[in-house]
PDB file of N, CA and C in Angstrom:
ATOM      1  N   MET A   1       8.980  -3.502   6.215  1.00  0.00           N
ATOM      2  CA  MET A   1       8.236  -3.921   5.052  1.00  0.00           C
ATOM      3  C   MET A   1       7.030  -4.767   5.458  1.00  0.00           C
ATOM      4  N   ASP A   2       7.098  -5.410   6.618  1.00  0.00           N
ATOM      5  CA  ASP A   2       5.959  -6.200   7.084  1.00  0.00           C
ATOM      6  C   ASP A   2       4.713  -5.341   7.237  1.00  0.00           C
ATOM      7  N   ASP A   3       4.903  -4.099   7.718  1.00  0.00           N
ATOM      8  CA  ASP A   3       3.762  -3.187   7.860  1.00  0.00           C
ATOM      9  C   ASP A   3       3.104  -2.917   6.514  1.00  0.00           C
ATOM     10  N   VAL A   4       3.911  -2.796   5.480  1.00  0.00           N
ATOM     11  CA  VAL A   4       3.372  -2.524   4.141  1.00  0.00           C
ATOM     12  C   VAL A   4       2.532  -3.699   3.669  1.00  0.00           C
ATOM     13  N   PHE A   5       3.059  -4.908   3.808  1.00  0.00           N
ATOM     14  CA  PHE A   5       2.310  -6.077   3.347  1.00  0.00           C
ATOM     15  C   PHE A   5       1.056  -6.305   4.183  1.00  0.00           C
ATOM     16  N   ARG A   6       1.152  -6.055   5.484  1.00  0.00           N
ATOM     17  CA  ARG A   6      -0.034  -6.193   6.334  1.00  0.00           C
ATOM     18  C   ARG A   6      -1.088  -5.176   5.916  1.00  0.00           C
ATOM     19  N   ALA A   7      -0.668  -3.958   5.660  1.00  0.00           N
ATOM     20  CA  ALA A   7      -1.616  -2.914   5.251  1.00  0.00           C
ATOM     21  C   ALA A   7      -2.275  -3.258   3.923  1.00  0.00           C
ATOM     22  N   MET A   8      -1.507  -3.816   3.015  1.00  0.00           N
ATOM     23  CA  MET A   8      -2.036  -4.117   1.689  1.00  0.00           C
ATOM     24  C   MET A   8      -2.796  -5.436   1.630  1.00  0.00           C
ATOM     25  N   SER A   9      -2.812  -6.175   2.724  1.00  0.00           N
ATOM     26  CA  SER A   9      -3.505  -7.466   2.722  1.00  0.00           C
ATOM     27  C   SER A   9      -5.019  -7.321   2.817  1.00  0.00           C
ATOM     28  N   ASP A  10      -5.495  -6.146   3.186  1.00  0.00           N
ATOM     29  CA  ASP A  10      -6.930  -5.931   3.369  1.00  0.00           C
ATOM     30  C   ASP A  10      -7.541  -5.318   2.106  1.00  0.00           C
ATOM     31  N   PRO A  11      -8.645  -5.884   1.603  1.00  0.00           N
ATOM     32  CA  PRO A  11      -9.250  -5.363   0.370  1.00  0.00           C
ATOM     33  C   PRO A  11      -9.737  -3.915   0.481  1.00  0.00           C
ATOM     34  N   THR A  12     -10.220  -3.512   1.641  1.00  0.00           N
ATOM     35  CA  THR A  12     -10.663  -2.121   1.801  1.00  0.00           C
ATOM     36  C   THR A  12      -9.475  -1.177   1.709  1.00  0.00           C
ATOM     37  N   ARG A  13      -8.377  -1.535   2.348  1.00  0.00           N
ATOM     38  CA  ARG A  13      -7.195  -0.676   2.289  1.00  0.00           C
ATOM     39  C   ARG A  13      -6.629  -0.624   0.873  1.00  0.00           C
ATOM     40  N   ARG A  14      -6.660  -1.746   0.164  1.00  0.00           N
ATOM     41  CA  ARG A  14      -6.230  -1.718  -1.238  1.00  0.00           C
ATOM     42  C   ARG A  14      -7.152  -0.821  -2.053  1.00  0.00           C
ATOM     43  N   GLY A  15      -8.442  -0.842  -1.728  1.00  0.00           N
ATOM     44  CA  GLY A  15      -9.394   0.036  -2.406  1.00  0.00           C
ATOM     45  C   GLY A  15      -9.093   1.503  -2.150  1.00  0.00           C
ATOM     46  N   ILE A  16      -8.727   1.833  -0.922  1.00  0.00           N
ATOM     47  CA  ILE A  16      -8.357   3.213  -0.585  1.00  0.00           C
ATOM     48  C   ILE A  16      -7.127   3.624  -1.387  1.00  0.00           C
ATOM     49  N   LEU A  17      -6.131   2.755  -1.447  1.00  0.00           N
ATOM     50  CA  LEU A  17      -4.915   3.061  -2.201  1.00  0.00           C
ATOM     51  C   LEU A  17      -5.221   3.244  -3.684  1.00  0.00           C
ATOM     52  N   ARG A  18      -6.060   2.373  -4.230  1.00  0.00           N
ATOM     53  CA  ARG A  18      -6.441   2.462  -5.639  1.00  0.00           C
ATOM     54  C   ARG A  18      -7.153   3.790  -5.915  1.00  0.00           C
ATOM     55  N   LEU A  19      -8.066   4.152  -5.020  1.00  0.00           N
ATOM     56  CA  LEU A  19      -8.814   5.399  -5.160  1.00  0.00           C
ATOM     57  C   LEU A  19      -7.870   6.603  -5.150  1.00  0.00           C
ATOM     58  N   LEU A  20      -6.930   6.615  -4.232  1.00  0.00           N
ATOM     59  CA  LEU A  20      -5.973   7.719  -4.161  1.00  0.00           C
ATOM     60  C   LEU A  20      -5.063   7.752  -5.387  1.00  0.00           C
ATOM     61  N   ARG A  21      -4.719   6.596  -5.905  1.00  0.00           N
ATOM     62  CA  ARG A  21      -3.884   6.543  -7.107  1.00  0.00           C
ATOM     63  C   ARG A  21      -4.637   7.109  -8.310  1.00  0.00           C
ATOM     64  N   GLU A  22      -5.921   6.757  -8.417  1.00  0.00           N
ATOM     65  CA  GLU A  22      -6.711   7.173  -9.573  1.00  0.00           C
ATOM     66  C   GLU A  22      -7.169   8.622  -9.495  1.00  0.00           C
ATOM     67  N   GLU A  23      -7.476   9.101  -8.285  1.00  0.00           N
ATOM     68  CA  GLU A  23      -8.089  10.421  -8.158  1.00  0.00           C
ATOM     69  C   GLU A  23      -7.205  11.459  -7.482  1.00  0.00           C
ATOM     70  N   GLY A  24      -6.070  11.062  -6.976  1.00  0.00           N
ATOM     71  CA  GLY A  24      -5.202  12.006  -6.281  1.00  0.00           C
ATOM     72  C   GLY A  24      -5.650  12.200  -4.847  1.00  0.00           C
ATOM     73  N   SER A  25      -5.158  13.234  -4.218  1.00  0.00           N
ATOM     74  CA  SER A  25      -5.458  13.500  -2.811  1.00  0.00           C
ATOM     75  C   SER A  25      -6.947  13.742  -2.599  1.00  0.00           C
ATOM     76  N   LEU A  26      -7.467  13.169  -1.517  1.00  0.00           N
ATOM     77  CA  LEU A  26      -8.884  13.301  -1.163  1.00  0.00           C
ATOM     78  C   LEU A  26      -9.011  13.493   0.338  1.00  0.00           C
ATOM     79  N   THR A  27     -10.097  14.127   0.743  1.00  0.00           N
ATOM     80  CA  THR A  27     -10.356  14.263   2.177  1.00  0.00           C
ATOM     81  C   THR A  27     -10.820  12.924   2.731  1.00  0.00           C
ATOM     82  N   ALA A  28     -10.717  12.789   4.036  1.00  0.00           N
ATOM     83  CA  ALA A  28     -11.186  11.571   4.694  1.00  0.00           C
ATOM     84  C   ALA A  28     -12.661  11.341   4.374  1.00  0.00           C
ATOM     85  N   GLY A  29     -13.446  12.413   4.367  1.00  0.00           N
ATOM     86  CA  GLY A  29     -14.873  12.299   4.062  1.00  0.00           C
ATOM     87  C   GLY A  29     -15.135  11.831   2.645  1.00  0.00           C
ATOM     88  N   GLU A  30     -14.367  12.347   1.684  1.00  0.00           N
ATOM     89  CA  GLU A  30     -14.533  11.935   0.288  1.00  0.00           C
ATOM     90  C   GLU A  30     -14.200  10.460   0.106  1.00  0.00           C
ATOM     91  N   ILE A  31     -13.185  10.012   0.802  1.00  0.00           N
ATOM     92  CA  ILE A  31     -12.820   8.593   0.723  1.00  0.00           C
ATOM     93  C   ILE A  31     -13.899   7.749   1.387  1.00  0.00           C
ATOM     94  N   ALA A  32     -14.330   8.161   2.563  1.00  0.00           N
ATOM     95  CA  ALA A  32     -15.325   7.395   3.323  1.00  0.00           C
ATOM     96  C   ALA A  32     -16.639   7.264   2.566  1.00  0.00           C
ATOM     97  N   GLU A  33     -17.000   8.268   1.758  1.00  0.00           N
ATOM     98  CA  GLU A  33     -18.239   8.205   0.976  1.00  0.00           C
ATOM     99  C   GLU A  33     -18.254   7.021   0.019  1.00  0.00           C
ATOM    100  N   ARG A  34     -17.091   6.558  -0.389  1.00  0.00           N
ATOM    101  CA  ARG A  34     -16.981   5.467  -1.372  1.00  0.00           C
ATOM    102  C   ARG A  34     -17.095   4.082  -0.744  1.00  0.00           C
ATOM    103  N   PHE A  35     -17.041   4.039   0.583  1.00  0.00           N
ATOM    104  CA  PHE A  35     -17.055   2.756   1.284  1.00  0.00           C
ATOM    105  C   PHE A  35     -18.215   2.735   2.265  1.00  0.00           C
ATOM    106  N   ASP A  36     -18.874   1.626   2.358  1.00  0.00           N
ATOM    107  CA  ASP A  36     -20.024   1.480   3.256  1.00  0.00           C
ATOM    108  C   ASP A  36     -19.546   0.982   4.620  1.00  0.00           C
ATOM    109  N   LEU A  37     -18.753   1.829   5.293  1.00  0.00           N
ATOM    110  CA  LEU A  37     -18.181   1.448   6.584  1.00  0.00           C
ATOM    111  C   LEU A  37     -18.341   2.593   7.573  1.00  0.00           C
ATOM    112  N   ALA A  38     -18.340   2.255   8.849  1.00  0.00           N
ATOM    113  CA  ALA A  38     -18.428   3.267   9.906  1.00  0.00           C
ATOM    114  C   ALA A  38     -17.172   4.139   9.896  1.00  0.00           C
ATOM    115  N   LYS A  39     -17.323   5.383  10.367  1.00  0.00           N
ATOM    116  CA  LYS A  39     -16.178   6.296  10.425  1.00  0.00           C
ATOM    117  C   LYS A  39     -15.034   5.713  11.248  1.00  0.00           C
ATOM    118  N   SER A  40     -15.377   5.042  12.339  1.00  0.00           N
ATOM    119  CA  SER A  40     -14.331   4.466  13.192  1.00  0.00           C
ATOM    120  C   SER A  40     -13.559   3.376  12.450  1.00  0.00           C
ATOM    121  N   THR A  41     -14.256   2.609  11.626  1.00  0.00           N
ATOM    122  CA  THR A  41     -13.598   1.566  10.838  1.00  0.00           C
ATOM    123  C   THR A  41     -12.670   2.195   9.807  1.00  0.00           C
ATOM    124  N   MET A  42     -13.152   3.248   9.147  1.00  0.00           N
ATOM    125  CA  MET A  42     -12.317   3.948   8.166  1.00  0.00           C
ATOM    126  C   MET A  42     -11.090   4.556   8.845  1.00  0.00           C
ATOM    127  N   SER A  43     -11.279   5.126  10.029  1.00  0.00           N
ATOM    128  CA  SER A  43     -10.152   5.702  10.771  1.00  0.00           C
ATOM    129  C   SER A  43      -9.100   4.647  11.064  1.00  0.00           C
ATOM    130  N   GLY A  44      -9.549   3.448  11.401  1.00  0.00           N
ATOM    131  CA  GLY A  44      -8.622   2.346  11.644  1.00  0.00           C
ATOM    132  C   GLY A  44      -7.831   1.995  10.395  1.00  0.00           C
ATOM    133  N   HIS A  45      -8.512   1.966   9.250  1.00  0.00           N
ATOM    134  CA  HIS A  45      -7.821   1.688   7.985  1.00  0.00           C
ATOM    135  C   HIS A  45      -6.808   2.788   7.668  1.00  0.00           C
ATOM    136  N   PHE A  46      -7.206   4.049   7.862  1.00  0.00           N
ATOM    137  CA  PHE A  46      -6.279   5.156   7.619  1.00  0.00           C
ATOM    138  C   PHE A  46      -5.051   5.030   8.521  1.00  0.00           C
ATOM    139  N   ALA A  47      -5.260   4.658   9.773  1.00  0.00           N
ATOM    140  CA  ALA A  47      -4.151   4.532  10.729  1.00  0.00           C
ATOM    141  C   ALA A  47      -3.162   3.456  10.287  1.00  0.00           C
ATOM    142  N   VAL A  48      -3.675   2.315   9.836  1.00  0.00           N
ATOM    143  CA  VAL A  48      -2.802   1.224   9.382  1.00  0.00           C
ATOM    144  C   VAL A  48      -2.009   1.668   8.152  1.00  0.00           C
ATOM    145  N   LEU A  49      -2.681   2.326   7.217  1.00  0.00           N
ATOM    146  CA  LEU A  49      -2.006   2.792   6.002  1.00  0.00           C
ATOM    147  C   LEU A  49      -0.957   3.860   6.314  1.00  0.00           C
ATOM    148  N   LYS A  50      -1.258   4.747   7.263  1.00  0.00           N
ATOM    149  CA  LYS A  50      -0.282   5.773   7.655  1.00  0.00           C
ATOM    150  C   LYS A  50       0.913   5.139   8.349  1.00  0.00           C
ATOM    151  N   GLN A  51       0.657   4.191   9.249  1.00  0.00           N
ATOM    152  CA  GLN A  51       1.758   3.538   9.969  1.00  0.00           C
ATOM    153  C   GLN A  51       2.689   2.818   8.997  1.00  0.00           C
ATOM    154  N   ALA A  52       2.123   2.238   7.952  1.00  0.00           N
ATOM    155  CA  ALA A  52       2.935   1.550   6.952  1.00  0.00           C
ATOM    156  C   ALA A  52       3.660   2.535   6.037  1.00  0.00           C
ATOM    157  N   GLY A  53       3.287   3.803   6.130  1.00  0.00           N
ATOM    158  CA  GLY A  53       3.916   4.818   5.293  1.00  0.00           C
ATOM    159  C   GLY A  53       3.359   4.881   3.886  1.00  0.00           C
ATOM    160  N   LEU A  54       2.221   4.225   3.657  1.00  0.00           N
ATOM    161  CA  LEU A  54       1.644   4.180   2.313  1.00  0.00           C
ATOM    162  C   LEU A  54       0.852   5.435   1.966  1.00  0.00           C
ATOM    163  N   ILE A  55       0.345   6.122   2.987  1.00  0.00           N
ATOM    164  CA  ILE A  55      -0.370   7.373   2.756  1.00  0.00           C
ATOM    165  C   ILE A  55       0.170   8.440   3.701  1.00  0.00           C
ATOM    166  N   VAL A  56      -0.043   9.669   3.314  1.00  0.00           N
ATOM    167  CA  VAL A  56       0.297  10.805   4.163  1.00  0.00           C
ATOM    168  C   VAL A  56      -0.971  11.616   4.370  1.00  0.00           C
ATOM    169  N   ALA A  57      -1.060  12.257   5.525  1.00  0.00           N
ATOM    170  CA  ALA A  57      -2.230  13.074   5.849  1.00  0.00           C
ATOM    171  C   ALA A  57      -1.775  14.506   6.077  1.00  0.00           C
ATOM    172  N   GLU A  58      -2.557  15.427   5.555  1.00  0.00           N
ATOM    173  CA  GLU A  58      -2.265  16.849   5.732  1.00  0.00           C
ATOM    174  C   GLU A  58      -3.540  17.546   6.180  1.00  0.00           C
ATOM    175  N   ARG A  59      -3.431  18.281   7.269  1.00  0.00           N
ATOM    176  CA  ARG A  59      -4.593  19.017   7.763  1.00  0.00           C
ATOM    177  C   ARG A  59      -4.721  20.311   6.973  1.00  0.00           C
ATOM    178  N   GLN A  60      -5.914  20.514   6.414  1.00  0.00           N
ATOM    179  CA  GLN A  60      -6.235  21.751   5.704  1.00  0.00           C
ATOM    180  C   GLN A  60      -7.466  22.345   6.373  1.00  0.00           C
ATOM    181  N   GLY A  61      -7.217  23.236   7.299  1.00  0.00           N
ATOM    182  CA  GLY A  61      -8.315  23.791   8.095  1.00  0.00           C
ATOM    183  C   GLY A  61      -8.881  22.707   8.990  1.00  0.00           C
ATOM    184  N   THR A  62     -10.159  22.426   8.847  1.00  0.00           N
ATOM    185  CA  THR A  62     -10.796  21.381   9.656  1.00  0.00           C
ATOM    186  C   THR A  62     -10.800  20.034   8.949  1.00  0.00           C
ATOM    187  N   ARG A  63     -10.282  20.003   7.729  1.00  0.00           N
ATOM    188  CA  ARG A  63     -10.312  18.764   6.938  1.00  0.00           C
ATOM    189  C   ARG A  63      -8.957  18.070   6.953  1.00  0.00           C
ATOM    190  N   LEU A  64      -9.007  16.758   6.870  1.00  0.00           N
ATOM    191  CA  LEU A  64      -7.799  15.953   6.776  1.00  0.00           C
ATOM    192  C   LEU A  64      -7.740  15.407   5.354  1.00  0.00           C
ATOM    193  N   VAL A  65      -6.676  15.732   4.629  1.00  0.00           N
ATOM    194  CA  VAL A  65      -6.532  15.322   3.233  1.00  0.00           C
ATOM    195  C   VAL A  65      -5.463  14.238   3.156  1.00  0.00           C
ATOM    196  N   TYR A  66      -5.817  13.122   2.504  1.00  0.00           N
ATOM    197  CA  TYR A  66      -4.903  11.991   2.370  1.00  0.00           C
ATOM    198  C   TYR A  66      -4.374  11.907   0.949  1.00  0.00           C
ATOM    199  N   GLY A  67      -3.131  11.489   0.841  1.00  0.00           N
ATOM    200  CA  GLY A  67      -2.506  11.252  -0.453  1.00  0.00           C
ATOM    201  C   GLY A  67      -1.562  10.068  -0.356  1.00  0.00           C
ATOM    202  N   LEU A  68      -1.175   9.541  -1.503  1.00  0.00           N
ATOM    203  CA  LEU A  68      -0.249   8.412  -1.537  1.00  0.00           C
ATOM    204  C   LEU A  68       1.171   8.859  -1.226  1.00  0.00           C
ATOM    205  N   SER A  69       1.907   7.983  -0.595  1.00  0.00           N
ATOM    206  CA  SER A  69       3.335   8.183  -0.384  1.00  0.00           C
ATOM    207  C   SER A  69       4.055   7.296  -1.392  1.00  0.00           C
ATOM    208  N   LEU A  70       4.343   7.848  -2.551  1.00  0.00           N
ATOM    209  CA  LEU A  70       4.890   7.054  -3.649  1.00  0.00           C
ATOM    210  C   LEU A  70       6.260   6.471  -3.346  1.00  0.00           C
ATOM    211  N   SER A  71       7.051   7.135  -2.514  1.00  0.00           N
ATOM    212  CA  SER A  71       8.389   6.624  -2.220  1.00  0.00           C
ATOM    213  C   SER A  71       8.325   5.261  -1.540  1.00  0.00           C
ATOM    214  N   VAL A  72       7.335   5.053  -0.680  1.00  0.00           N
ATOM    215  CA  VAL A  72       7.205   3.754  -0.005  1.00  0.00           C
ATOM    216  C   VAL A  72       6.825   2.677  -1.014  1.00  0.00           C
ATOM    217  N   PHE A  73       5.940   3.005  -1.955  1.00  0.00           N
ATOM    218  CA  PHE A  73       5.589   2.046  -3.002  1.00  0.00           C
ATOM    219  C   PHE A  73       6.823   1.669  -3.813  1.00  0.00           C
ATOM    220  N   GLU A  74       7.605   2.667  -4.184  1.00  0.00           N
ATOM    221  CA  GLU A  74       8.808   2.402  -4.970  1.00  0.00           C
ATOM    222  C   GLU A  74       9.794   1.533  -4.197  1.00  0.00           C
ATOM    223  N   GLU A  75       9.993   1.821  -2.916  1.00  0.00           N
ATOM    224  CA  GLU A  75      10.901   1.022  -2.090  1.00  0.00           C
ATOM    225  C   GLU A  75      10.407  -0.415  -1.979  1.00  0.00           C
ATOM    226  N   THR A  76       9.098  -0.587  -1.821  1.00  0.00           N
ATOM    227  CA  THR A  76       8.529  -1.926  -1.688  1.00  0.00           C
ATOM    228  C   THR A  76       8.693  -2.711  -2.977  1.00  0.00           C
ATOM    229  N   VAL A  77       8.398  -2.079  -4.102  1.00  0.00           N
ATOM    230  CA  VAL A  77       8.556  -2.748  -5.393  1.00  0.00           C
ATOM    231  C   VAL A  77      10.017  -3.127  -5.605  1.00  0.00           C
ATOM    232  N   ASP A  78      10.934  -2.219  -5.296  1.00  0.00           N
ATOM    233  CA  ASP A  78      12.362  -2.521  -5.434  1.00  0.00           C
ATOM    234  C   ASP A  78      12.763  -3.707  -4.563  1.00  0.00           C
ATOM    235  N   ALA A  79      12.269  -3.749  -3.329  1.00  0.00           N
ATOM    236  CA  ALA A  79      12.599  -4.847  -2.415  1.00  0.00           C
ATOM    237  C   ALA A  79      12.049  -6.172  -2.928  1.00  0.00           C
ATOM    238  N   VAL A  80      10.816  -6.158  -3.420  1.00  0.00           N
ATOM    239  CA  VAL A  80      10.207  -7.385  -3.947  1.00  0.00           C
ATOM    240  C   VAL A  80      10.969  -7.855  -5.181  1.00  0.00           C
ATOM    241  N   LEU A  81      11.293  -6.932  -6.070  1.00  0.00           N
ATOM    242  CA  LEU A  81      12.045  -7.306  -7.268  1.00  0.00           C
ATOM    243  C   LEU A  81      13.421  -7.854  -6.908  1.00  0.00           C
ATOM    244  N   ALA A  82      14.048  -7.274  -5.901  1.00  0.00           N
ATOM    245  CA  ALA A  82      15.348  -7.781  -5.458  1.00  0.00           C
ATOM    246  C   ALA A  82      15.214  -9.201  -4.920  1.00  0.00           C
ATOM    247  N   LEU A  83      14.160  -9.438  -4.144  1.00  0.00           N
ATOM    248  CA  LEU A  83      13.931 -10.790  -3.624  1.00  0.00           C
ATOM    249  C   LEU A  83      13.673 -11.769  -4.759  1.00  0.00           C
ATOM    250  N   LEU A  84      12.843 -11.377  -5.690  1.00  0.00           N
ATOM    251  CA  LEU A  84      12.533 -12.252  -6.819  1.00  0.00           C
ATOM    252  C   LEU A  84      13.757 -12.469  -7.691  1.00  0.00           C
ATOM    253  N   GLY A  85      14.542 -11.426  -7.864  1.00  0.00           N
ATOM    254  CA  GLY A  85      15.752 -11.545  -8.668  1.00  0.00           C
ATOM    255  C   GLY A  85      16.750 -12.498  -8.054  1.00  0.00           C
ATOM    256  N   SER A  86      16.956 -12.412  -6.745  1.00  0.00           N
ATOM    257  CA  SER A  86      17.906 -13.309  -6.091  1.00  0.00           C
ATOM    258  C   SER A  86      17.368 -14.727  -6.071  1.00  0.00           C
ATOM    259  N   ARG A  87      16.065 -14.854  -5.961  1.00  0.00           N
ATOM    260  CA  ARG A  87      15.463 -16.189  -5.972  1.00  0.00           C
ATOM    261  C   ARG A  87      15.590 -16.804  -7.359  1.00  0.00           C
ATOM    262  N   THR A  88      15.384 -15.995  -8.388  1.00  0.00           N
ATOM    263  CA  THR A  88      15.496 -16.488  -9.752  1.00  0.00           C
ATOM    264  C   THR A  88      16.921 -16.934 -10.037  1.00  0.00           C
ATOM    265  N   ARG A  89      17.896 -16.133  -9.616  1.00  0.00           N
ATOM    266  CA  ARG A  89      19.300 -16.505  -9.826  1.00  0.00           C
ATOM    267  C   ARG A  89      19.639 -17.786  -9.071  1.00  0.00           C
ATOM    268  N   ALA A  90      19.116 -17.930  -7.869  1.00  0.00           N
ATOM    269  CA  ALA A  90      19.410 -19.112  -7.057  1.00  0.00           C
ATOM    270  C   ALA A  90      18.761 -20.355  -7.637  1.00  0.00           C
ATOM    271  N   SER A  91      17.625 -20.205  -8.300  1.00  0.00           N
ATOM    272  CA  SER A  91      16.919 -21.380  -8.807  1.00  0.00           C
ATOM    273  C   SER A  91      17.426 -21.819 -10.175  1.00  0.00           C
ATOM    274  N   LYS A  92      18.141 -20.978 -10.897  1.00  0.00           N
ATOM    275  CA  LYS A  92      18.620 -21.346 -12.227  1.00  0.00           C
ATOM    276  C   LYS A  92      19.569 -22.534 -12.206  1.00  0.00           C
ATOM    277  N   PRO A  93      20.566 -22.588 -11.310  1.00  0.00           N
ATOM    278  CA  PRO A  93      21.450 -23.764 -11.316  1.00  0.00           C
ATOM    279  C   PRO A  93      20.693 -25.063 -11.051  1.00  0.00           C
ATOM    280  N   ARG A  94      19.710 -25.025 -10.174  1.00  0.00           N
ATOM    281  CA  ARG A  94      18.928 -26.231  -9.896  1.00  0.00           C
ATOM    282  C   ARG A  94      18.165 -26.672 -11.136  1.00  0.00           C
ATOM    283  N   ALA A  95      17.623 -25.730 -11.863  1.00  0.00           N
ATOM    284  CA  ALA A  95      16.876 -26.069 -13.071  1.00  0.00           C
ATOM    285  C   ALA A  95      17.811 -26.689 -14.100  1.00  0.00           C
ATOM    286  N   GLN A  96      19.031 -26.167 -14.198  1.00  0.00           N
ATOM    287  CA  GLN A  96      19.993 -26.722 -15.137  1.00  0.00           C
ATOM    288  C   GLN A  96      20.426 -28.112 -14.706  1.00  0.00           C
ATOM    289  N   GLU A  97      20.562 -28.344 -13.391  1.00  0.00           N
ATOM    290  CA  GLU A  97      20.946 -29.660 -12.887  1.00  0.00           C
ATOM    291  C   GLU A  97      19.883 -30.692 -13.216  1.00  0.00           C
ATOM    292  N   ARG A  98      18.608 -30.309 -13.154  1.00  0.00           N
ATOM    293  CA  ARG A  98      17.514 -31.242 -13.437  1.00  0.00           C
ATOM    294  C   ARG A  98      17.534 -31.699 -14.888  1.00  0.00           C
ATOM    295  N   ARG A  99      17.990 -30.829 -15.781  1.00  0.00           N
ATOM    296  CA  ARG A  99      18.005 -31.174 -17.202  1.00  0.00           C
ATOM    297  C   ARG A  99      19.092 -32.191 -17.533  1.00  0.00           C
ATOM    298  N   ARG A 100      20.102 -32.307 -16.701  1.00  0.00           N
ATOM    299  CA  ARG A 100      21.231 -33.212 -16.992  1.00  0.00           C
ATOM    300  C   ARG A 100      20.877 -34.641 -16.819  1.00  0.00           C
TER     301      ARG A 100
END
């Protein structure tokens, strides 16, 4: 899960994820057109997102098409909610003790 949070900590990578969520699968070139960054920089962002499992890449002829990996998003949200849920349950007795 650390890879997911590290990948999502960068505003450009969040922008890539947002773009893929809104527009669906896009080629690397179509994504790169939206950002004022060098191809090598974009490749680095794609690599981090792929390593975290947030995007998947599919070769279509000479083009590389990227799409979201929704299962990783769902797993991450579930994990965060579980953490928040256990934290909320743990903090309730303390809050009740303070009121006494």
